[in-house]
Amino acid sequence: MNYVFRCYAEKRPGFDVEAQRVFRELREQLNISALEGVRIFHRYDVDGVDYPVYLSARTTVFSEPMCDDFYDENLPPISEPYSVLAVESLPGQYDQRADSCAQCIQLLAGGERPLAASATVYILLGTLTEADLNRVRGYLINPVESREASMDKPDTLTRQHDIPTTVKTLTGFTGKDEAGLSAMVNDYGLAMDLEDLKFLQNYFRDEEHRDPTITELRVVDTYWSDH
C-alpha cells in the first residue's frame, strides 16, 4: 500500500528573499499594519516511493541543505499569534514545482515516476483580522490558476475523476445583463474580463443562436489567458 510522505522546506534567514519581499508588499501595498513578519514554507507531498528513496530526496530534491531548514510531516513550532494560508495550483493546472520533483525522484531512484504535489504555505505573523486575511488571499491567490489549499494530508495523490454523461449548458448566458456577466467572471474565476465576456456573448447570441456549454466557455477562457 502506498504512503504519502509530506515535508516542508523553508529558506534560512539571509536566504529568505521571497518571504521578505512578500512581507514588504503586504505591509506597504495592502497597508496591513498588524503584520509583523512572513515565513514561507514550500510543502511537498509524494506518493509512490519507499522510505529509503524519500530519505535520499529530502536533501537532494526537496531542499538545499546549505540554505534550507527541512521538516518532516509537520511545520515547526511557531510562536503565537499567527495565521496560516496555503496556496496550491488548481486541479488541471500545470504544477512545475511538483512535476520537477517527480522527475528528479524518478532519476534518483529509477522505475516509475511518483506522484507529487506542492503548495506554498504562508505563515503570517501578528494578529490579523478576517478582513486582513481576505485582502491577503486576494493578493496572493490568482483564482485563474490557484486556490487556497487544505492543511490536511491526503491519503493518496491518485485522483479519481467521474466521467460526465452530459455537458452543462450555461442556460440564459446570451440574455444576461452586465451585472449577470460580471458575476460570472467572479463565480467562474475567468481570465476574461467583462468586455471579453460581452464579446463572447454577442458571438453566441448573434452567430450560434444558442447558449454555450461550460466546456466551450472554459476552452475559450484558457486560450484567452494566453494572449
Protein backbone atom coordinates (compact mmCIF):
# COMPACT_ATOMS: atom_id res chain seq x y z
CA MET A 1 0.00 0.00 0.00
CA ASN A 2 1.35 3.42 -0.98
CA TYR A 3 2.06 6.04 1.66
CA VAL A 4 2.06 9.82 1.17
CA PHE A 5 5.19 11.44 2.56
CA ARG A 6 4.89 15.13 3.44
CA CYS A 7 7.67 17.62 4.11
CA TYR A 8 8.33 21.35 4.36
CA ALA A 9 11.34 23.43 3.31
CA GLU A 10 11.99 27.00 4.48
CA LYS A 11 14.79 29.34 3.46
CA ARG A 12 17.00 30.30 6.37
CA PRO A 13 17.46 33.96 7.38
CA GLY A 14 19.61 35.64 4.78
CA PHE A 15 18.25 33.38 2.05
CA ASP A 16 14.56 34.15 2.68
CA VAL A 17 14.32 36.76 -0.06
CA GLU A 18 10.83 35.70 -1.15
CA ALA A 19 9.42 35.90 2.37
CA GLN A 20 10.90 39.35 2.94
CA ARG A 21 9.51 40.58 -0.39
CA VAL A 22 6.01 39.32 0.40
CA PHE A 23 6.18 40.91 3.85
CA ARG A 24 7.10 44.31 2.38
CA GLU A 25 4.40 44.10 -0.27
CA LEU A 26 1.66 43.18 2.20
CA ARG A 27 2.70 45.93 4.60
CA GLU A 28 3.27 48.66 2.03
CA GLN A 29 0.79 47.88 -0.74
CA LEU A 30 -2.07 46.46 1.34
CA ASN A 31 -1.24 48.58 4.40
CA ILE A 32 -1.67 45.64 6.79
CA SER A 33 0.00 47.28 9.79
CA ALA A 34 -0.69 44.34 12.13
CA LEU A 35 1.55 42.07 10.07
CA GLU A 36 4.84 41.55 11.90
CA GLY A 37 6.54 39.14 9.55
CA VAL A 38 6.10 36.43 6.90
CA ARG A 39 7.58 32.96 6.76
CA ILE A 40 7.24 30.86 3.62
CA PHE A 41 7.36 27.07 3.60
CA HIS A 42 7.31 25.07 0.39
CA ARG A 43 5.27 21.94 1.08
CA TYR A 44 5.71 18.71 -0.84
CA ASP A 45 3.62 15.54 -0.86
CA VAL A 46 4.93 12.49 -2.68
CA ASP A 47 3.17 9.18 -3.28
CA GLY A 48 4.65 6.04 -4.80
CA VAL A 49 8.14 5.88 -3.26
CA ASP A 50 9.55 3.84 -0.42
CA TYR A 51 11.15 5.32 2.68
CA PRO A 52 14.82 5.00 1.57
CA VAL A 53 14.03 6.91 -1.62
CA TYR A 54 12.22 9.59 0.38
CA LEU A 55 15.22 9.90 2.70
CA SER A 56 17.52 10.41 -0.28
CA ALA A 57 15.19 13.03 -1.76
CA ARG A 58 14.98 15.05 1.47
CA THR A 59 18.28 16.85 0.87
CA THR A 60 18.68 16.38 -2.89
CA VAL A 61 15.23 17.18 -4.28
CA PHE A 62 13.05 18.88 -1.67
CA SER A 63 15.65 21.14 -0.06
CA GLU A 64 19.12 22.63 -0.33
CA PRO A 65 21.00 21.79 2.90
CA MET A 66 23.15 24.92 2.74
CA CYS A 67 20.22 27.36 2.77
CA ASP A 68 17.05 25.47 3.79
CA ASP A 69 15.61 24.20 7.03
CA PHE A 70 13.73 20.96 6.47
CA TYR A 71 10.80 19.44 8.37
CA ASP A 72 9.17 16.03 8.02
CA GLU A 73 5.38 15.81 8.11
CA ASN A 74 4.61 18.92 10.19
CA LEU A 75 5.50 22.59 10.42
CA PRO A 76 7.89 23.53 13.25
CA PRO A 77 6.55 25.19 16.42
CA ILE A 78 5.71 28.84 15.73
CA SER A 79 5.14 31.50 18.38
CA GLU A 80 1.62 32.89 18.56
CA PRO A 81 -0.09 34.91 17.21
CA TYR A 82 -0.02 33.92 13.56
CA SER A 83 -2.29 32.88 10.68
CA VAL A 84 -1.72 30.21 8.03
CA LEU A 85 -2.51 30.49 4.34
CA ALA A 86 -1.68 27.60 2.00
CA VAL A 87 -1.89 28.09 -1.77
CA GLU A 88 -1.82 25.38 -4.45
CA SER A 89 -2.41 25.10 -8.19
CA LEU A 90 -5.93 24.44 -9.37
CA PRO A 91 -6.62 20.84 -10.46
CA GLY A 92 -5.61 20.56 -14.09
CA GLN A 93 -3.14 23.44 -13.90
CA TYR A 94 0.50 22.59 -14.51
CA ASP A 95 2.41 22.49 -11.23
CA GLN A 96 6.02 22.98 -12.29
CA ARG A 97 7.44 22.57 -8.80
CA ALA A 98 5.66 19.24 -8.25
CA ASP A 99 6.49 17.97 -11.74
CA SER A 100 10.17 18.82 -11.33
CA CYS A 101 10.25 16.97 -8.01
CA ALA A 102 8.62 13.89 -9.53
CA GLN A 103 11.11 13.88 -12.42
CA CYS A 104 14.10 14.28 -10.11
CA ILE A 105 12.92 11.47 -7.83
CA GLN A 106 12.45 9.22 -10.85
CA LEU A 107 16.03 9.97 -11.96
CA LEU A 108 17.24 9.40 -8.40
CA ALA A 109 15.56 6.04 -7.89
CA GLY A 110 14.72 4.76 -11.35
CA GLY A 111 11.46 3.00 -12.09
CA GLU A 112 8.10 4.68 -12.40
CA ARG A 113 7.63 8.37 -11.83
CA PRO A 114 5.95 9.01 -8.45
CA LEU A 115 3.02 11.29 -7.88
CA ALA A 116 3.87 14.64 -6.33
CA ALA A 117 2.01 17.74 -5.21
CA SER A 118 3.22 21.05 -3.87
CA ALA A 119 1.83 24.07 -2.06
CA THR A 120 3.20 27.33 -0.72
CA VAL A 121 2.40 27.83 2.96
CA TYR A 122 2.49 31.41 4.22
CA ILE A 123 2.84 31.98 7.96
CA LEU A 124 1.55 35.47 8.65
CA LEU A 125 2.94 36.67 11.97
CA GLY A 126 0.84 39.03 14.05
CA THR A 127 -2.80 39.44 14.98
CA LEU A 128 -4.62 39.78 11.66
CA THR A 129 -8.34 40.31 11.35
CA GLU A 130 -10.51 38.28 8.99
CA ALA A 131 -10.70 41.37 6.78
CA ASP A 132 -6.88 41.48 6.69
CA LEU A 133 -6.74 37.79 5.77
CA ASN A 134 -9.28 38.24 2.98
CA ARG A 135 -7.16 41.01 1.49
CA VAL A 136 -4.08 38.80 1.72
CA ARG A 137 -5.96 35.97 0.00
CA GLY A 138 -6.99 38.31 -2.78
CA TYR A 139 -3.38 39.43 -3.21
CA LEU A 140 -1.63 36.05 -3.06
CA ILE A 141 -4.20 33.82 -4.80
CA ASN A 142 -4.79 34.19 -8.52
CA PRO A 143 -8.17 32.41 -8.96
CA VAL A 144 -7.40 31.66 -12.60
CA GLU A 145 -4.59 29.29 -11.66
CA SER A 146 -4.56 28.70 -7.91
CA ARG A 147 -6.71 28.20 -4.83
CA GLU A 148 -6.43 28.02 -1.06
CA ALA A 149 -5.14 24.59 -0.05
CA SER A 150 -6.13 22.42 2.87
CA MET A 151 -3.57 21.75 5.58
CA ASP A 152 -4.79 18.15 5.89
CA LYS A 153 -2.58 15.50 4.32
CA PRO A 154 -4.36 13.30 1.77
CA ASP A 155 -4.33 9.52 1.99
CA THR A 156 -3.35 9.28 -1.68
CA LEU A 157 -2.40 11.60 -4.53
CA THR A 158 -4.24 9.44 -7.05
CA ARG A 159 -7.18 11.42 -8.35
CA GLN A 160 -10.45 9.83 -9.32
CA HIS A 161 -12.46 11.71 -11.93
CA ASP A 162 -16.07 10.95 -12.68
CA ILE A 163 -16.79 10.95 -16.40
CA PRO A 164 -19.83 13.17 -17.02
CA THR A 165 -22.59 11.76 -19.19
CA THR A 166 -23.77 15.24 -20.17
CA VAL A 167 -22.13 18.64 -20.55
CA LYS A 168 -23.68 21.54 -18.69
CA THR A 169 -25.16 24.29 -20.84
CA LEU A 170 -24.91 27.82 -19.46
CA THR A 171 -28.62 28.42 -19.82
CA GLY A 172 -29.52 32.10 -20.08
CA PHE A 173 -25.97 33.23 -20.92
CA THR A 174 -26.93 35.07 -24.10
CA GLY A 175 -29.60 37.03 -22.25
CA LYS A 176 -27.60 38.10 -19.19
CA ASP A 177 -27.23 41.79 -18.40
CA GLU A 178 -23.94 43.42 -17.44
CA ALA A 179 -24.38 42.57 -13.75
CA GLY A 180 -25.02 38.91 -14.60
CA LEU A 181 -21.93 38.70 -16.80
CA SER A 182 -19.81 40.44 -14.17
CA ALA A 183 -20.96 37.88 -11.62
CA MET A 184 -19.92 35.07 -14.00
CA VAL A 185 -16.40 36.46 -14.24
CA ASN A 186 -16.09 36.20 -10.45
CA ASP A 187 -18.03 32.96 -9.95
CA TYR A 188 -16.04 31.03 -12.57
CA GLY A 189 -12.69 32.74 -11.90
CA LEU A 190 -12.34 33.69 -15.55
CA ALA A 191 -9.23 35.11 -17.17
CA MET A 192 -11.56 37.08 -19.44
CA ASP A 193 -12.79 40.43 -18.18
CA LEU A 194 -16.30 41.82 -18.58
CA GLU A 195 -15.70 43.23 -22.06
CA ASP A 196 -14.26 39.93 -23.24
CA LEU A 197 -17.29 38.07 -21.93
CA LYS A 198 -19.62 40.54 -23.66
CA PHE A 199 -17.80 39.77 -26.93
CA LEU A 200 -18.33 36.04 -26.38
CA GLN A 201 -21.97 36.63 -25.51
CA ASN A 202 -22.53 38.58 -28.73
CA TYR A 203 -20.96 35.78 -30.74
CA PHE A 204 -23.17 33.03 -29.31
CA ARG A 205 -26.28 35.21 -29.46
CA ASP A 206 -25.80 36.53 -33.00
CA GLU A 207 -23.82 33.76 -34.73
CA GLU A 208 -24.60 30.48 -32.94
CA HIS A 209 -28.09 31.46 -31.73
CA ARG A 210 -27.68 29.39 -28.58
CA ASP A 211 -26.12 29.35 -25.13
CA PRO A 212 -22.59 27.89 -24.82
CA THR A 213 -21.64 24.86 -22.77
CA ILE A 214 -19.34 25.15 -19.77
CA THR A 215 -16.69 23.32 -21.81
CA GLU A 216 -16.83 25.94 -24.57
CA LEU A 217 -16.53 28.73 -22.01
CA ARG A 218 -13.52 27.08 -20.34
CA VAL A 219 -11.74 26.37 -23.63
CA VAL A 220 -12.15 29.94 -24.83
CA ASP A 221 -11.10 31.30 -21.43
CA THR A 222 -7.96 29.14 -21.41
CA TYR A 223 -6.88 30.36 -24.84
CA TRP A 224 -7.82 33.93 -23.87
CA SER A 225 -5.47 33.82 -20.88
CA ASP A 226 -2.53 33.10 -23.22
CA HIS A 227 -2.92 36.38 -25.12
